[in-house]
Amino acid sequence: MASQGNRVVLSGIGGDEVMGGVPTPAPELENLLARAQFGSLAHQLKVWALEKRKPWFHLFWESARGFFPPALVGVPKYMRPAPWLQASFVKRHWAALTGYPSRTKLFGPLPSFLDNVSTLDALQRQLALTALPFEPPFEKRYPYLDRDLLEFMFAIPREQLVRPTQRRSLMRRALVGIVPDEILNRKTKAFVVRSPMVAISNDWAHFAEMTQNMLSSSLGIVDSERISEALQQVRQGKEVPMIALRRTLCLEGWLKDLCALGLINPDTTVKPKLRWQASIQGKAISD
């Protein structure tokens, strides 16, 4: 960037969320439920059950539970706080850590539209936490979050975006003959998930030392023993919520930088004036 004088970086953030990269039928099934289109609902449940290799009743419940209050049916597993957070911290910041869950309404805008608005809100919170670049200075732009594109994608039927055998269905069909088939029809992005797992394994001594005296633990946020167990599971190739783990480690690094600057004292307990920092940290982990 510095050598060529480039000043703009294009980011793909929002592509999966907007273009149908998350292979879930839930928004479409919720639409059919809300509009009482039971014939189409039965057909889509059968098709998606074969694709997901799940009983159709499980898919039905995953879609129907959104219409009930979260306090009654609980929070889905993928929205629950990271298991290595201290119980008292989770209790204080439950709403932020679970992404501010709300009940899907039967009447009014389609559930898929409400889900899109909620996702966009989460993306805005995520981008708000991104530090501004300064060396070299550049501007980040997000093509997938273009207003005109969002208005179009939120207005078209959900089944145009995600189909049982095809993620980003509309995008793939629109780019046939423009983008090489090898890129257009790639199956997964698994390498994105494996990269941090390999990094933790290769630099195990550093991460093991980090968990020995964690500032986030002394501030009442993280249980150091549990996060150490999670790192061990990553090292062994077991399934761990990697995004939450990476953000927790970034939080720990940020706190150590604050300590080095003399802005916090790890030898003291959490004071009331620091509670707003804990709330922000909770949002950083959940977002």
C-alpha atoms as a PDB file:
ATOM      1  CA  MET A   1       0.000   0.000   0.000  1.00  0.00           C
ATOM      2  CA  ALA A   2       2.758   2.423   0.900  1.00  0.00           C
ATOM      3  CA  SER A   3       4.860   1.711  -2.184  1.00  0.00           C
ATOM      4  CA  GLN A   4       1.966   2.076  -4.613  1.00  0.00           C
ATOM      5  CA  GLY A   5       0.200   4.910  -2.819  1.00  0.00           C
ATOM      6  CA  ASN A   6      -3.031   2.966  -2.361  1.00  0.00           C
ATOM      7  CA  ARG A   7      -5.451   4.642   0.015  1.00  0.00           C
ATOM      8  CA  VAL A   8      -8.553   2.417  -0.089  1.00  0.00           C
ATOM      9  CA  VAL A   9      -9.007  -1.191   1.063  1.00  0.00           C
ATOM     10  CA  LEU A  10     -12.100  -3.140   0.041  1.00  0.00           C
ATOM     11  CA  SER A  11     -13.427  -5.374   2.812  1.00  0.00           C
ATOM     12  CA  GLY A  12     -15.658  -8.417   2.378  1.00  0.00           C
ATOM     13  CA  ILE A  13     -17.316  -7.967   5.777  1.00  0.00           C
ATOM     14  CA  GLY A  14     -21.057  -8.482   5.423  1.00  0.00           C
ATOM     15  CA  GLY A  15     -20.819 -10.759   2.390  1.00  0.00           C
ATOM     16  CA  ASP A  16     -21.950 -13.922   4.155  1.00  0.00           C
ATOM     17  CA  GLU A  17     -24.659 -12.157   6.146  1.00  0.00           C
ATOM     18  CA  VAL A  18     -26.130 -10.155   3.249  1.00  0.00           C
ATOM     19  CA  MET A  19     -25.665 -12.502   0.281  1.00  0.00           C
ATOM     20  CA  GLY A  20     -26.822 -15.711   1.947  1.00  0.00           C
ATOM     21  CA  GLY A  21     -23.466 -17.173   2.886  1.00  0.00           C
ATOM     22  CA  VAL A  22     -24.810 -18.591   6.135  1.00  0.00           C
ATOM     23  CA  PRO A  23     -26.524 -21.852   5.075  1.00  0.00           C
ATOM     24  CA  THR A  24     -29.566 -21.691   7.345  1.00  0.00           C
ATOM     25  CA  PRO A  25     -33.192 -22.103   6.253  1.00  0.00           C
ATOM     26  CA  ALA A  26     -34.541 -20.555   9.475  1.00  0.00           C
ATOM     27  CA  PRO A  27     -35.500 -17.088   8.095  1.00  0.00           C
ATOM     28  CA  GLU A  28     -37.297 -18.636   5.112  1.00  0.00           C
ATOM     29  CA  LEU A  29     -39.165 -21.136   7.303  1.00  0.00           C
ATOM     30  CA  GLU A  30     -40.106 -18.351   9.726  1.00  0.00           C
ATOM     31  CA  ASN A  31     -41.560 -16.377   6.800  1.00  0.00           C
ATOM     32  CA  LEU A  32     -43.706 -19.348   5.791  1.00  0.00           C
ATOM     33  CA  LEU A  33     -44.881 -19.812   9.371  1.00  0.00           C
ATOM     34  CA  ALA A  34     -45.744 -16.131   9.793  1.00  0.00           C
ATOM     35  CA  ARG A  35     -47.750 -16.120   6.541  1.00  0.00           C
ATOM     36  CA  ALA A  36     -49.421 -19.488   7.315  1.00  0.00           C
ATOM     37  CA  GLN A  37     -48.154 -21.029   4.064  1.00  0.00           C
ATOM     38  CA  PHE A  38     -48.171 -24.526   5.510  1.00  0.00           C
ATOM     39  CA  GLY A  39     -47.984 -26.382   2.189  1.00  0.00           C
ATOM     40  CA  SER A  40     -44.780 -24.610   1.185  1.00  0.00           C
ATOM     41  CA  LEU A  41     -43.505 -24.978   4.751  1.00  0.00           C
ATOM     42  CA  ALA A  42     -43.949 -28.771   4.659  1.00  0.00           C
ATOM     43  CA  HIS A  43     -42.151 -28.991   1.308  1.00  0.00           C
ATOM     44  CA  GLN A  44     -39.217 -26.824   2.428  1.00  0.00           C
ATOM     45  CA  LEU A  45     -38.888 -28.729   5.691  1.00  0.00           C
ATOM     46  CA  LYS A  46     -38.594 -31.983   3.730  1.00  0.00           C
ATOM     47  CA  VAL A  47     -36.007 -30.577   1.315  1.00  0.00           C
ATOM     48  CA  TRP A  48     -33.886 -28.931   4.005  1.00  0.00           C
ATOM     49  CA  ALA A  49     -34.107 -31.962   6.293  1.00  0.00           C
ATOM     50  CA  LEU A  50     -32.531 -34.080   3.545  1.00  0.00           C
ATOM     51  CA  GLU A  51     -29.850 -31.445   2.933  1.00  0.00           C
ATOM     52  CA  LYS A  52     -29.020 -30.904   6.613  1.00  0.00           C
ATOM     53  CA  ARG A  53     -29.484 -34.588   7.500  1.00  0.00           C
ATOM     54  CA  LYS A  54     -31.677 -33.565  10.404  1.00  0.00           C
ATOM     55  CA  PRO A  55     -35.197 -34.628  11.388  1.00  0.00           C
ATOM     56  CA  TRP A  56     -37.695 -32.147   9.980  1.00  0.00           C
ATOM     57  CA  PHE A  57     -39.094 -31.584  13.463  1.00  0.00           C
ATOM     58  CA  HIS A  58     -35.742 -30.225  14.658  1.00  0.00           C
ATOM     59  CA  LEU A  59     -35.680 -27.725  11.800  1.00  0.00           C
ATOM     60  CA  PHE A  60     -39.274 -26.773  12.546  1.00  0.00           C
ATOM     61  CA  TRP A  61     -38.484 -26.145  16.208  1.00  0.00           C
ATOM     62  CA  GLU A  62     -35.368 -24.098  15.381  1.00  0.00           C
ATOM     63  CA  SER A  63     -37.586 -21.832  13.294  1.00  0.00           C
ATOM     64  CA  ALA A  64     -40.645 -21.762  15.575  1.00  0.00           C
ATOM     65  CA  ARG A  65     -38.724 -21.031  18.776  1.00  0.00           C
ATOM     66  CA  GLY A  66     -37.994 -17.505  17.563  1.00  0.00           C
ATOM     67  CA  PHE A  67     -41.672 -16.607  18.008  1.00  0.00           C
ATOM     68  CA  PHE A  68     -41.507 -17.401  21.743  1.00  0.00           C
ATOM     69  CA  PRO A  69     -39.946 -15.165  24.435  1.00  0.00           C
ATOM     70  CA  PRO A  70     -36.246 -16.022  25.003  1.00  0.00           C
ATOM     71  CA  ALA A  71     -36.947 -16.354  28.722  1.00  0.00           C
ATOM     72  CA  LEU A  72     -39.326 -19.233  27.938  1.00  0.00           C
ATOM     73  CA  VAL A  73     -37.367 -21.239  25.350  1.00  0.00           C
ATOM     74  CA  GLY A  74     -33.822 -20.186  26.255  1.00  0.00           C
ATOM     75  CA  VAL A  75     -31.033 -18.933  24.025  1.00  0.00           C
ATOM     76  CA  PRO A  76     -29.738 -21.078  21.124  1.00  0.00           C
ATOM     77  CA  LYS A  77     -26.351 -22.680  21.696  1.00  0.00           C
ATOM     78  CA  TYR A  78     -24.562 -20.544  19.111  1.00  0.00           C
ATOM     79  CA  MET A  79     -25.707 -17.354  20.906  1.00  0.00           C
ATOM     80  CA  ARG A  80     -24.683 -18.385  24.415  1.00  0.00           C
ATOM     81  CA  PRO A  81     -21.746 -16.663  26.142  1.00  0.00           C
ATOM     82  CA  ALA A  82     -18.309 -18.251  25.927  1.00  0.00           C
ATOM     83  CA  PRO A  83     -17.946 -20.990  28.580  1.00  0.00           C
ATOM     84  CA  TRP A  84     -14.716 -19.489  29.962  1.00  0.00           C
ATOM     85  CA  LEU A  85     -16.348 -16.247  31.127  1.00  0.00           C
ATOM     86  CA  GLN A  86     -16.891 -15.896  34.865  1.00  0.00           C
ATOM     87  CA  ALA A  87     -20.475 -16.535  35.992  1.00  0.00           C
ATOM     88  CA  SER A  88     -20.826 -13.180  37.763  1.00  0.00           C
ATOM     89  CA  PHE A  89     -19.699 -11.299  34.638  1.00  0.00           C
ATOM     90  CA  VAL A  90     -22.118 -13.256  32.457  1.00  0.00           C
ATOM     91  CA  LYS A  91     -24.970 -12.523  34.864  1.00  0.00           C
ATOM     92  CA  ARG A  92     -24.308  -8.769  34.807  1.00  0.00           C
ATOM     93  CA  HIS A  93     -23.996  -8.530  31.013  1.00  0.00           C
ATOM     94  CA  TRP A  94     -26.266 -11.335  29.821  1.00  0.00           C
ATOM     95  CA  ALA A  95     -28.133  -9.219  27.265  1.00  0.00           C
ATOM     96  CA  ALA A  96     -24.955  -7.926  25.594  1.00  0.00           C
ATOM     97  CA  LEU A  97     -23.229 -11.314  25.611  1.00  0.00           C
ATOM     98  CA  THR A  98     -26.216 -13.036  23.975  1.00  0.00           C
ATOM     99  CA  GLY A  99     -26.630 -10.372  21.293  1.00  0.00           C
ATOM    100  CA  TYR A 100     -29.726  -8.705  22.769  1.00  0.00           C
ATOM    101  CA  PRO A 101     -32.181 -11.523  21.927  1.00  0.00           C
ATOM    102  CA  SER A 102     -35.764 -10.573  21.109  1.00  0.00           C
ATOM    103  CA  ARG A 103     -38.919 -12.397  20.069  1.00  0.00           C
ATOM    104  CA  THR A 104     -39.794 -12.643  16.368  1.00  0.00           C
ATOM    105  CA  LYS A 105     -43.200 -11.104  15.655  1.00  0.00           C
ATOM    106  CA  LEU A 106     -45.919 -12.904  13.738  1.00  0.00           C
ATOM    107  CA  PHE A 107     -47.378  -9.721  12.302  1.00  0.00           C
ATOM    108  CA  GLY A 108     -45.741  -6.794  10.550  1.00  0.00           C
ATOM    109  CA  PRO A 109     -42.502  -7.074   8.536  1.00  0.00           C
ATOM    110  CA  LEU A 110     -41.383 -10.553   7.517  1.00  0.00           C
ATOM    111  CA  PRO A 111     -39.175 -12.371  10.051  1.00  0.00           C
ATOM    112  CA  SER A 112     -36.366 -12.532   7.472  1.00  0.00           C
ATOM    113  CA  PHE A 113     -36.392  -8.723   7.213  1.00  0.00           C
ATOM    114  CA  LEU A 114     -36.265  -8.369  11.010  1.00  0.00           C
ATOM    115  CA  ASP A 115     -33.390 -10.852  11.050  1.00  0.00           C
ATOM    116  CA  ASN A 116     -31.571  -8.784   8.408  1.00  0.00           C
ATOM    117  CA  VAL A 117     -31.999  -5.608  10.460  1.00  0.00           C
ATOM    118  CA  SER A 118     -30.700  -7.376  13.575  1.00  0.00           C
ATOM    119  CA  THR A 119     -27.697  -8.704  11.641  1.00  0.00           C
ATOM    120  CA  LEU A 120     -26.965  -5.252  10.253  1.00  0.00           C
ATOM    121  CA  ASP A 121     -27.067  -3.844  13.786  1.00  0.00           C
ATOM    122  CA  ALA A 122     -24.543  -6.467  14.913  1.00  0.00           C
ATOM    123  CA  LEU A 123     -22.269  -5.605  11.963  1.00  0.00           C
ATOM    124  CA  GLN A 124     -22.442  -1.926  12.888  1.00  0.00           C
ATOM    125  CA  ARG A 125     -21.367  -2.743  16.450  1.00  0.00           C
ATOM    126  CA  GLN A 126     -18.541  -4.894  15.086  1.00  0.00           C
ATOM    127  CA  LEU A 127     -17.269  -2.139  12.782  1.00  0.00           C
ATOM    128  CA  ALA A 128     -17.529   0.430  15.575  1.00  0.00           C
ATOM    129  CA  LEU A 129     -14.926  -1.568  17.530  1.00  0.00           C
ATOM    130  CA  THR A 130     -12.395  -1.493  14.685  1.00  0.00           C
ATOM    131  CA  ALA A 131      -9.419   0.788  15.303  1.00  0.00           C
ATOM    132  CA  LEU A 132      -8.726   3.472  12.720  1.00  0.00           C
ATOM    133  CA  PRO A 133      -5.648   2.752  10.553  1.00  0.00           C
ATOM    134  CA  PHE A 134      -2.777   5.204  10.875  1.00  0.00           C
ATOM    135  CA  GLU A 135       0.426   3.666   9.435  1.00  0.00           C
ATOM    136  CA  PRO A 136       0.013   3.819   6.536  1.00  0.00           C
ATOM    137  CA  PRO A 137      -3.277   5.740   6.602  1.00  0.00           C
ATOM    138  CA  PHE A 138      -6.018   4.250   4.461  1.00  0.00           C
ATOM    139  CA  GLU A 139      -9.773   4.098   4.147  1.00  0.00           C
ATOM    140  CA  LYS A 140     -11.793   0.894   4.427  1.00  0.00           C
ATOM    141  CA  ARG A 141     -14.865   0.468   2.273  1.00  0.00           C
ATOM    142  CA  TYR A 142     -17.485  -2.240   2.475  1.00  0.00           C
ATOM    143  CA  PRO A 143     -19.121  -3.052  -0.897  1.00  0.00           C
ATOM    144  CA  TYR A 144     -21.492  -5.598   0.654  1.00  0.00           C
ATOM    145  CA  LEU A 145     -22.870  -2.925   2.994  1.00  0.00           C
ATOM    146  CA  ASP A 146     -23.736  -0.500   0.195  1.00  0.00           C
ATOM    147  CA  ARG A 147     -27.145   1.015   0.926  1.00  0.00           C
ATOM    148  CA  ASP A 148     -28.620   0.303  -2.522  1.00  0.00           C
ATOM    149  CA  LEU A 149     -27.417  -3.291  -2.392  1.00  0.00           C
ATOM    150  CA  LEU A 150     -28.862  -3.782   1.098  1.00  0.00           C
ATOM    151  CA  GLU A 151     -32.240  -2.379   0.054  1.00  0.00           C
ATOM    152  CA  PHE A 152     -32.357  -4.801  -2.864  1.00  0.00           C
ATOM    153  CA  MET A 153     -31.165  -7.857  -0.920  1.00  0.00           C
ATOM    154  CA  PHE A 154     -33.586  -7.216   1.948  1.00  0.00           C
ATOM    155  CA  ALA A 155     -36.534  -6.854  -0.457  1.00  0.00           C
ATOM    156  CA  ILE A 156     -36.193 -10.025  -2.554  1.00  0.00           C
ATOM    157  CA  PRO A 157     -37.522 -13.439  -1.407  1.00  0.00           C
ATOM    158  CA  ARG A 158     -35.221 -15.267   0.975  1.00  0.00           C
ATOM    159  CA  GLU A 159     -35.211 -18.422  -1.176  1.00  0.00           C
ATOM    160  CA  GLN A 160     -33.312 -16.475  -3.845  1.00  0.00           C
ATOM    161  CA  LEU A 161     -30.322 -16.171  -1.498  1.00  0.00           C
ATOM    162  CA  VAL A 162     -29.969 -19.585   0.124  1.00  0.00           C
ATOM    163  CA  ARG A 163     -31.018 -22.882  -1.433  1.00  0.00           C
ATOM    164  CA  PRO A 164     -30.602 -26.412  -0.046  1.00  0.00           C
ATOM    165  CA  THR A 165     -27.489 -27.142  -2.101  1.00  0.00           C
ATOM    166  CA  GLN A 166     -26.183 -23.631  -2.720  1.00  0.00           C
ATOM    167  CA  ARG A 167     -25.011 -20.824  -0.474  1.00  0.00           C
ATOM    168  CA  ARG A 168     -25.051 -17.317  -1.970  1.00  0.00           C
ATOM    169  CA  SER A 169     -27.348 -18.685  -4.646  1.00  0.00           C
ATOM    170  CA  LEU A 170     -28.274 -15.398  -6.339  1.00  0.00           C
ATOM    171  CA  MET A 171     -24.683 -14.181  -6.374  1.00  0.00           C
ATOM    172  CA  ARG A 172     -23.391 -17.412  -7.879  1.00  0.00           C
ATOM    173  CA  ARG A 173     -26.042 -17.428 -10.597  1.00  0.00           C
ATOM    174  CA  ALA A 174     -25.434 -13.781 -11.439  1.00  0.00           C
ATOM    175  CA  LEU A 175     -21.664 -14.252 -11.820  1.00  0.00           C
ATOM    176  CA  VAL A 176     -21.709 -17.325 -14.081  1.00  0.00           C
ATOM    177  CA  GLY A 177     -19.368 -16.626 -16.996  1.00  0.00           C
ATOM    178  CA  ILE A 178     -17.752 -13.695 -15.170  1.00  0.00           C
ATOM    179  CA  VAL A 179     -16.010 -15.352 -12.220  1.00  0.00           C
ATOM    180  CA  PRO A 180     -13.996 -18.571 -12.779  1.00  0.00           C
ATOM    181  CA  ASP A 181     -15.905 -21.715 -11.826  1.00  0.00           C
ATOM    182  CA  GLU A 182     -13.158 -22.771  -9.408  1.00  0.00           C
ATOM    183  CA  ILE A 183     -13.852 -19.673  -7.308  1.00  0.00           C
ATOM    184  CA  LEU A 184     -17.570 -19.436  -7.944  1.00  0.00           C
ATOM    185  CA  ASN A 185     -18.303 -23.006  -6.852  1.00  0.00           C
ATOM    186  CA  ARG A 186     -15.850 -23.490  -4.031  1.00  0.00           C
ATOM    187  CA  LYS A 187     -17.448 -25.462  -1.221  1.00  0.00           C
ATOM    188  CA  THR A 188     -16.118 -24.018   2.046  1.00  0.00           C
ATOM    189  CA  LYS A 189     -13.818 -21.510   3.662  1.00  0.00           C
ATOM    190  CA  ALA A 190     -12.513 -23.997   6.219  1.00  0.00           C
ATOM    191  CA  PHE A 191      -8.971 -22.634   5.956  1.00  0.00           C
ATOM    192  CA  VAL A 192     -10.166 -19.449   7.676  1.00  0.00           C
ATOM    193  CA  VAL A 193     -11.127 -21.504  10.729  1.00  0.00           C
ATOM    194  CA  ARG A 194      -8.009 -23.670  10.745  1.00  0.00           C
ATOM    195  CA  SER A 195      -5.550 -20.771  10.504  1.00  0.00           C
ATOM    196  CA  PRO A 196      -5.961 -19.603  14.143  1.00  0.00           C
ATOM    197  CA  MET A 197      -5.923 -23.234  15.316  1.00  0.00           C
ATOM    198  CA  VAL A 198      -2.554 -23.747  13.634  1.00  0.00           C
ATOM    199  CA  ALA A 199      -1.269 -20.444  15.028  1.00  0.00           C
ATOM    200  CA  ILE A 200      -2.168 -21.475  18.591  1.00  0.00           C
ATOM    201  CA  SER A 201      -0.491 -24.854  18.179  1.00  0.00           C
ATOM    202  CA  ASN A 202       2.668 -23.345  16.690  1.00  0.00           C
ATOM    203  CA  ASP A 203       2.988 -20.705  19.416  1.00  0.00           C
ATOM    204  CA  TRP A 204       1.744 -22.795  22.300  1.00  0.00           C
ATOM    205  CA  ALA A 205       4.339 -21.565  24.826  1.00  0.00           C
ATOM    206  CA  HIS A 206       3.148 -17.967  24.375  1.00  0.00           C
ATOM    207  CA  PHE A 207      -0.529 -18.800  24.885  1.00  0.00           C
ATOM    208  CA  ALA A 208       0.206 -21.096  27.839  1.00  0.00           C
ATOM    209  CA  GLU A 209       2.131 -18.268  29.535  1.00  0.00           C
ATOM    210  CA  MET A 210      -0.678 -15.806  28.779  1.00  0.00           C
ATOM    211  CA  THR A 211      -3.195 -17.870  30.764  1.00  0.00           C
ATOM    212  CA  GLN A 212      -0.998 -18.022  33.852  1.00  0.00           C
ATOM    213  CA  ASN A 213      -1.614 -14.453  35.012  1.00  0.00           C
ATOM    214  CA  MET A 214      -4.522 -12.991  33.073  1.00  0.00           C
ATOM    215  CA  LEU A 215      -5.599  -9.410  33.724  1.00  0.00           C
ATOM    216  CA  SER A 216      -9.089 -10.246  32.472  1.00  0.00           C
ATOM    217  CA  SER A 217      -9.262 -12.885  35.215  1.00  0.00           C
ATOM    218  CA  SER A 218      -8.235 -10.448  37.959  1.00  0.00           C
ATOM    219  CA  LEU A 219     -10.889  -8.018  36.683  1.00  0.00           C
ATOM    220  CA  GLY A 220     -13.586 -10.664  37.068  1.00  0.00           C
ATOM    221  CA  ILE A 221     -14.174 -11.321  33.358  1.00  0.00           C
ATOM    222  CA  VAL A 222     -12.448 -14.582  32.390  1.00  0.00           C
ATOM    223  CA  ASP A 223     -11.916 -17.862  34.230  1.00  0.00           C
ATOM    224  CA  SER A 224      -8.241 -18.568  33.487  1.00  0.00           C
ATOM    225  CA  GLU A 225      -8.557 -22.316  34.106  1.00  0.00           C
ATOM    226  CA  ARG A 226     -11.423 -22.700  31.668  1.00  0.00           C
ATOM    227  CA  ILE A 227      -9.775 -20.702  28.910  1.00  0.00           C
ATOM    228  CA  SER A 228      -6.620 -22.751  29.427  1.00  0.00           C
ATOM    229  CA  GLU A 229      -8.733 -25.886  28.936  1.00  0.00           C
ATOM    230  CA  ALA A 230     -10.222 -24.352  25.767  1.00  0.00           C
ATOM    231  CA  LEU A 231      -6.742 -23.681  24.382  1.00  0.00           C
ATOM    232  CA  GLN A 232      -5.788 -27.275  25.117  1.00  0.00           C
ATOM    233  CA  GLN A 233      -8.841 -28.439  23.171  1.00  0.00           C
ATOM    234  CA  VAL A 234      -7.822 -26.251  20.224  1.00  0.00           C
ATOM    235  CA  ARG A 235      -4.348 -27.770  20.356  1.00  0.00           C
ATOM    236  CA  GLN A 236      -5.909 -31.236  20.216  1.00  0.00           C
ATOM    237  CA  GLY A 237      -8.051 -30.275  17.218  1.00  0.00           C
ATOM    238  CA  LYS A 238     -11.355 -30.302  19.105  1.00  0.00           C
ATOM    239  CA  GLU A 239     -14.265 -27.988  18.346  1.00  0.00           C
ATOM    240  CA  VAL A 240     -14.134 -24.686  20.225  1.00  0.00           C
ATOM    241  CA  PRO A 241     -15.932 -21.354  19.561  1.00  0.00           C
ATOM    242  CA  MET A 242     -12.889 -19.865  17.819  1.00  0.00           C
ATOM    243  CA  ILE A 243     -14.264 -16.384  17.176  1.00  0.00           C
ATOM    244  CA  ALA A 244     -15.080 -15.857  20.854  1.00  0.00           C
ATOM    245  CA  LEU A 245     -11.691 -17.316  21.822  1.00  0.00           C
ATOM    246  CA  ARG A 246      -9.771 -15.008  19.499  1.00  0.00           C
ATOM    247  CA  ARG A 247     -11.666 -11.981  20.754  1.00  0.00           C
ATOM    248  CA  THR A 248     -11.037 -12.958  24.375  1.00  0.00           C
ATOM    249  CA  LEU A 249      -7.303 -13.200  23.666  1.00  0.00           C
ATOM    250  CA  CYS A 250      -7.417  -9.813  21.925  1.00  0.00           C
ATOM    251  CA  LEU A 251      -9.184  -8.404  24.982  1.00  0.00           C
ATOM    252  CA  GLU A 252      -6.410  -9.758  27.199  1.00  0.00           C
ATOM    253  CA  GLY A 253      -3.773  -8.142  24.988  1.00  0.00           C
ATOM    254  CA  TRP A 254      -5.643  -4.825  25.100  1.00  0.00           C
ATOM    255  CA  LEU A 255      -5.843  -4.927  28.899  1.00  0.00           C
ATOM    256  CA  LYS A 256      -2.114  -5.594  29.143  1.00  0.00           C
ATOM    257  CA  ASP A 257      -1.447  -2.587  26.939  1.00  0.00           C
ATOM    258  CA  LEU A 258      -3.593  -0.479  29.279  1.00  0.00           C
ATOM    259  CA  CYS A 259      -1.647  -1.849  32.234  1.00  0.00           C
ATOM    260  CA  ALA A 260       1.677  -1.010  30.560  1.00  0.00           C
ATOM    261  CA  LEU A 261       0.434   2.551  30.060  1.00  0.00           C
ATOM    262  CA  GLY A 262      -0.521   2.786  33.730  1.00  0.00           C
ATOM    263  CA  LEU A 263      -4.242   3.177  33.048  1.00  0.00           C
ATOM    264  CA  ILE A 264      -5.271   0.174  35.143  1.00  0.00           C
ATOM    265  CA  ASN A 265      -3.741  -1.522  38.172  1.00  0.00           C
ATOM    266  CA  PRO A 266      -3.971  -5.335  38.192  1.00  0.00           C
ATOM    267  CA  ASP A 267      -3.295  -5.466  41.944  1.00  0.00           C
ATOM    268  CA  THR A 268      -6.579  -3.764  42.827  1.00  0.00           C
ATOM    269  CA  THR A 269     -10.116  -5.065  42.590  1.00  0.00           C
ATOM    270  CA  VAL A 270     -12.662  -3.835  40.073  1.00  0.00           C
ATOM    271  CA  LYS A 271     -13.876  -0.393  41.075  1.00  0.00           C
ATOM    272  CA  PRO A 272     -17.221   1.154  40.102  1.00  0.00           C
ATOM    273  CA  LYS A 273     -15.515   3.539  37.682  1.00  0.00           C
ATOM    274  CA  LEU A 274     -14.178   0.551  35.733  1.00  0.00           C
ATOM    275  CA  ARG A 275     -17.579  -1.130  35.310  1.00  0.00           C
ATOM    276  CA  TRP A 276     -18.291   0.755  32.125  1.00  0.00           C
ATOM    277  CA  GLN A 277     -15.096  -0.784  30.738  1.00  0.00           C
ATOM    278  CA  ALA A 278     -16.362  -4.258  31.650  1.00  0.00           C
ATOM    279  CA  SER A 279     -19.610  -3.550  29.815  1.00  0.00           C
ATOM    280  CA  ILE A 280     -17.716  -2.501  26.691  1.00  0.00           C
ATOM    281  CA  GLN A 281     -15.550  -5.603  26.938  1.00  0.00           C
ATOM    282  CA  GLY A 282     -18.658  -7.779  27.141  1.00  0.00           C
ATOM    283  CA  LYS A 283     -19.961  -6.256  23.935  1.00  0.00           C
ATOM    284  CA  ALA A 284     -16.562  -6.768  22.258  1.00  0.00           C
ATOM    285  CA  ILE A 285     -16.669 -10.507  23.000  1.00  0.00           C
ATOM    286  CA  SER A 286     -20.317 -10.941  21.926  1.00  0.00           C
ATOM    287  CA  ASP A 287     -20.029  -8.819  18.763  1.00  0.00           C
END
